[in-house]
Protein backbone atom coordinates (compact mmCIF):
# COMPACT_ATOMS: atom_id res chain seq x y z
CA MET A 1 200.21 296.22 215.09
CA THR A 2 198.84 299.21 213.34
CA GLU A 3 198.54 302.79 215.23
CA ALA A 4 194.87 302.32 214.65
CA ASN A 5 194.49 299.16 216.36
CA SER A 6 197.37 300.13 219.52
CA GLU A 7 194.58 303.04 220.27
CA MET A 8 191.61 301.09 220.11
CA LYS A 9 193.11 298.35 222.72
CA THR A 10 192.12 301.01 225.27
CA VAL A 11 188.17 300.86 224.66
CA ALA A 12 186.28 297.41 225.81
CA THR A 13 184.64 295.39 223.24
CA VAL A 14 182.08 292.61 222.81
CA LYS A 15 181.84 290.03 220.52
CA ILE A 16 178.23 289.69 219.17
CA GLY A 17 178.10 286.70 216.36
CA PRO A 18 181.47 287.17 214.48
CA VAL A 19 181.61 290.54 214.96
CA GLU A 20 184.00 292.73 217.89
CA VAL A 21 181.80 295.63 218.72
CA ALA A 22 183.78 298.18 220.62
CA ALA A 23 181.94 299.40 224.03
CA PHE A 24 182.22 303.39 224.07
CA LYS A 25 180.76 304.42 227.28
CA ASP A 26 179.31 307.72 225.45
CA MET A 27 180.00 309.22 222.42
CA GLN A 28 182.11 311.95 223.43
CA GLN A 29 184.86 309.21 224.03
CA MET A 30 184.34 308.09 220.51
CA LEU A 31 184.93 311.82 219.32
CA GLU A 32 188.01 312.21 221.34
CA LEU A 33 189.59 309.23 220.09
CA VAL A 34 189.05 310.37 216.38
CA ILE A 35 189.99 313.95 216.86
CA LYS A 36 192.13 314.53 219.60
CA PRO A 37 192.71 317.37 222.12
CA ASP A 38 195.93 317.94 220.17
CA ALA A 39 193.78 318.22 216.92
CA SER A 40 195.62 315.17 215.58
CA VAL A 41 192.93 312.75 214.00
CA PHE A 42 192.50 308.95 214.20
CA ALA A 43 193.82 307.01 211.14
CA GLY A 44 191.41 304.24 210.09
CA SER A 45 187.96 303.85 209.58
CA ALA A 46 184.84 303.32 211.36
CA ILE A 47 181.44 301.06 210.31
CA ALA A 48 178.04 301.45 212.20
CA ILE A 49 176.99 298.09 213.90
CA ASN A 50 173.04 297.13 214.21
CA PRO A 51 171.37 293.77 214.53
CA GLU A 52 170.74 293.61 210.77
CA LYS A 53 174.66 293.80 210.24
CA ILE A 54 174.92 291.44 212.82
CA LEU A 55 172.53 289.08 211.21
CA THR A 56 174.43 289.68 207.51
CA ALA A 57 177.82 288.97 208.65
CA MET A 58 176.65 285.76 210.15
CA LYS A 59 175.41 284.48 206.60
CA ASN A 60 177.74 286.31 204.37
CA PRO A 61 181.32 285.74 204.85
CA GLN A 62 182.26 288.70 202.34
CA ILE A 63 179.82 291.21 204.63
CA GLU A 64 181.79 289.58 207.90
CA ALA A 65 185.03 290.41 206.33
CA VAL A 66 184.12 294.03 205.04
CA ILE A 67 183.03 294.93 208.39
CA ASN A 68 185.62 293.47 210.50
CA GLN A 69 188.33 295.17 208.24
CA ALA A 70 186.92 298.79 209.82
CA ASP A 71 189.07 299.94 212.86
CA ILE A 72 186.18 300.86 214.76
CA ARG A 73 183.00 298.85 214.73
CA TYR A 74 180.74 300.86 217.24
CA ALA A 75 177.07 300.00 218.55
CA ASP A 76 174.59 301.79 216.51
CA GLY A 77 171.39 299.42 217.39
CA ILE A 78 169.49 299.30 220.60
CA GLY A 79 169.72 295.39 220.08
CA VAL A 80 173.43 295.50 219.91
CA VAL A 81 173.70 297.82 223.02
CA THR A 82 171.52 295.94 225.06
CA VAL A 83 173.66 292.78 224.48
CA MET A 84 177.00 294.39 224.99
CA ARG A 85 175.63 295.76 228.29
CA LYS A 86 174.25 292.10 229.72
CA ARG A 87 177.87 290.68 228.76
CA LEU A 88 180.03 293.69 230.03
CA GLY A 89 177.75 294.58 233.09
CA LYS A 90 178.17 298.25 232.61
CA ALA A 91 177.13 301.13 230.68
CA VAL A 92 177.38 301.09 227.25
CA GLN A 93 176.14 303.75 224.81
CA ARG A 94 174.10 303.53 221.19
CA ILE A 95 175.88 305.75 218.98
CA PRO A 96 173.68 306.82 216.24
CA GLY A 97 175.82 306.84 213.05
CA CYS A 98 173.94 310.43 212.21
CA GLU A 99 174.47 312.32 215.24
CA PHE A 100 177.98 311.13 215.61
CA TRP A 101 179.02 312.69 211.81
CA GLN A 102 176.96 316.03 212.75
CA GLN A 103 178.82 316.10 216.01
CA LEU A 104 182.37 315.05 214.37
CA MET A 105 181.62 317.53 212.01
CA GLN A 106 181.33 320.32 214.49
CA ARG A 107 184.58 318.99 216.54
CA ALA A 108 186.19 319.40 212.96
CA ALA A 109 184.92 323.19 212.71
CA THR A 110 186.37 323.62 216.30
CA TYR A 111 190.14 322.37 215.38
CA GLN A 112 189.93 323.04 211.82
CA VAL A 113 190.56 319.74 210.40
CA PRO A 114 190.06 319.44 206.85
CA VAL A 115 187.06 317.08 205.49
CA PHE A 116 186.02 315.74 202.39
CA ILE A 117 182.28 314.15 201.53
CA VAL A 118 181.39 311.77 198.88
CA GLY A 119 178.18 310.33 198.20
CA ALA A 120 174.43 311.04 197.81
CA THR A 121 172.60 312.87 195.03
CA PRO A 122 174.44 315.99 193.35
CA GLU A 123 171.67 318.30 194.71
CA ILE A 124 171.64 316.66 198.33
CA ASN A 125 175.74 316.70 198.11
CA LYS A 126 175.70 320.47 197.13
CA GLN A 127 173.26 321.09 200.27
CA THR A 128 175.63 319.24 202.34
CA ALA A 129 178.62 321.03 201.30
CA ALA A 130 176.67 324.34 201.95
CA LYS A 131 175.42 323.95 205.15
CA LEU A 132 179.13 322.41 206.64
CA LYS A 133 180.59 325.91 205.33
CA LEU A 134 178.09 327.68 207.18
CA GLN A 135 178.73 325.70 209.96
CA GLN A 136 182.58 326.79 209.66
CA VAL A 137 184.05 323.41 208.83
CA ASN A 138 186.82 323.34 206.88
CA LEU A 139 185.50 321.37 203.72
CA VAL A 140 188.25 320.90 201.11
CA GLY A 141 186.13 318.51 198.93
CA ALA A 142 182.82 317.58 197.80
CA VAL A 143 181.97 314.80 195.24
CA ASP A 144 178.55 313.15 194.72
CA GLY A 145 177.54 309.41 194.34
CA TYR A 146 177.53 309.57 190.73
CA PHE A 147 181.00 310.11 190.00
CA LYS A 148 182.06 308.55 186.60
CA ASP A 149 186.19 308.14 187.34
CA GLU A 150 187.41 306.78 190.95
CA ALA A 151 190.82 307.33 189.91
CA ALA A 152 190.08 311.16 190.07
CA LEU A 153 188.36 310.63 193.03
CA ILE A 154 190.60 309.30 195.01
CA ALA A 155 193.44 312.03 193.22
CA SER A 156 191.20 314.63 194.52
CA ILE A 157 190.89 313.53 198.07
CA GLN A 158 194.89 312.98 198.24
CA GLN A 159 195.81 316.70 196.89
CA SER A 160 193.11 318.01 199.22
CA GLY A 161 194.80 317.01 202.07
CA ALA A 162 191.47 315.65 203.75
CA ARG A 163 192.06 314.10 207.20
CA ILE A 164 188.08 313.21 207.53
CA VAL A 165 186.13 311.40 204.52
CA SER A 166 182.89 310.51 204.77
CA VAL A 167 181.15 308.34 202.02
CA ALA A 168 177.29 308.08 201.87
CA MET A 169 176.54 305.55 199.31
CA GLY A 170 174.75 303.01 201.34
CA SER A 171 176.70 299.60 202.67
CA PRO A 172 178.55 297.74 201.81
CA LYS A 173 179.49 299.76 198.64
CA GLN A 174 180.68 302.69 200.99
CA GLU A 175 182.74 300.39 203.01
CA LEU A 176 184.53 298.97 200.19
CA LEU A 177 185.15 302.59 198.54
CA ILE A 178 186.56 303.49 201.40
CA GLN A 179 188.87 300.52 201.44
CA ARG A 180 189.98 301.36 198.24
CA ILE A 181 190.27 304.91 198.97
CA ALA A 182 192.21 304.20 202.26
CA LYS A 183 195.09 301.90 200.07
CA GLN A 184 196.41 305.26 198.56
CA HIS A 185 195.44 307.96 201.17
CA PRO A 186 196.23 306.10 204.80
CA ASP A 187 196.78 308.92 206.90
CA CYS A 188 192.98 309.69 207.31
CA PHE A 189 189.65 308.79 209.13
CA TYR A 190 187.10 307.44 207.15
CA MET A 191 183.27 306.83 208.03
CA GLY A 192 180.47 305.42 205.77
CA VAL A 193 177.21 307.31 206.83
CA GLY A 194 174.57 306.07 204.61
CA GLY A 195 171.67 308.31 204.18
CA THR A 196 172.94 310.64 206.73
CA TYR A 197 173.44 313.78 204.36
CA ASP A 198 169.49 313.57 203.33
CA VAL A 199 168.99 313.93 207.21
CA PHE A 200 171.54 316.71 207.77
CA THR A 201 169.76 318.67 205.32
CA GLY A 202 166.24 318.08 205.96
CA ASN A 203 165.21 316.53 203.21
CA VAL A 204 164.52 313.19 205.25
CA LYS A 205 162.69 313.44 208.68
CA ARG A 206 164.41 311.58 211.63
CA ALA A 207 162.55 310.32 214.34
CA PRO A 208 161.19 312.78 216.86
CA ALA A 209 164.18 313.13 219.73
CA LEU A 210 161.52 311.04 222.39
CA TRP A 211 161.16 308.23 219.97
CA CYS A 212 164.89 308.62 219.94
CA LYS A 213 165.43 309.02 223.54
CA LEU A 214 162.93 305.81 224.20
CA ASN A 215 164.97 303.72 221.48
CA LEU A 216 162.12 303.51 219.57
CA GLU A 217 163.79 304.89 216.20
CA TRP A 218 162.88 301.61 214.29
CA ALA A 219 159.22 301.66 215.21
CA TYR A 220 159.08 305.40 214.00
CA ARG A 221 161.00 304.16 210.75
CA LEU A 222 158.44 301.07 210.38
CA LEU A 223 155.24 303.44 210.94
CA SER A 224 156.86 305.79 208.26
CA GLN A 225 157.89 303.08 206.05
CA PRO A 226 155.91 300.24 206.30
CA SER A 227 157.90 298.35 203.53
CA ARG A 228 160.68 297.92 205.95
CA ILE A 229 158.66 295.11 207.92
CA GLY A 230 160.53 292.70 206.06
CA ARG A 231 163.79 294.17 208.01
CA GLN A 232 162.32 294.56 210.82
CA LEU A 233 161.26 290.83 211.18
CA GLY A 234 164.82 290.59 211.08
CA LEU A 235 165.01 292.14 214.65
CA LEU A 236 163.28 288.61 216.15
CA ARG A 237 165.20 286.45 214.47
CA TYR A 238 168.31 288.54 215.95
CA VAL A 239 166.17 288.07 219.55
CA TRP A 240 165.76 284.80 218.90
CA TRP A 241 169.14 283.71 218.35
CA TYR A 242 170.37 285.47 221.08
CA LEU A 243 168.25 283.95 223.69
CA ARG A 244 169.59 280.51 222.30
CA GLY A 245 173.30 281.63 222.64
CA LYS A 246 174.04 281.51 218.83
CA ILE A 247 175.06 285.25 219.01
């Protein structure tokens, strides 16, 4: 058993479809697992799990393998959290990836853990780097998602001494890249963050706080982007399969 898997044994999990999801009682528990009070860092990777990812994993063995290779699979969708609460009979908190990353950056600043960011457009990447530096984050490298030389990127990460690397390139592309980087730079925490840099820099609006508190962020996204209707219909399929005992 790897050190990462050994540390995760202290966290309860719930199997939803083919995916084991960690049942963190709150975001602070996960933050303290990743950056410990002695400033040491969890060596492994994390992936956010929502109903869409569960459904994709059920029909695509390659995506299932990508998801299950992550050391931490945390609940980032209220549909996932609801199933976990019912099966465990106790509180499980939803951990939105965007919020977790921002809290992790604040914790990294406190402990001066070296951070490397990858992904997004050149402009968004620059804005993200500038804002992190203003927050006193020990940023040791920033490369946008349009890099041409993957070997050079990995070499830069290795030479930087980064202990936290976040990649914003969308799933599963970001997770596959993380796997390749981690093979050469394993003593590090990796996290795929999708569109988080866009939200962090204010270029994309997140749902208002009340909508998030009521777990209606999905509805806000649908109203803002009606083109998401196809993806949201997947939630109905998820509920139907849950009721029929298929997940």
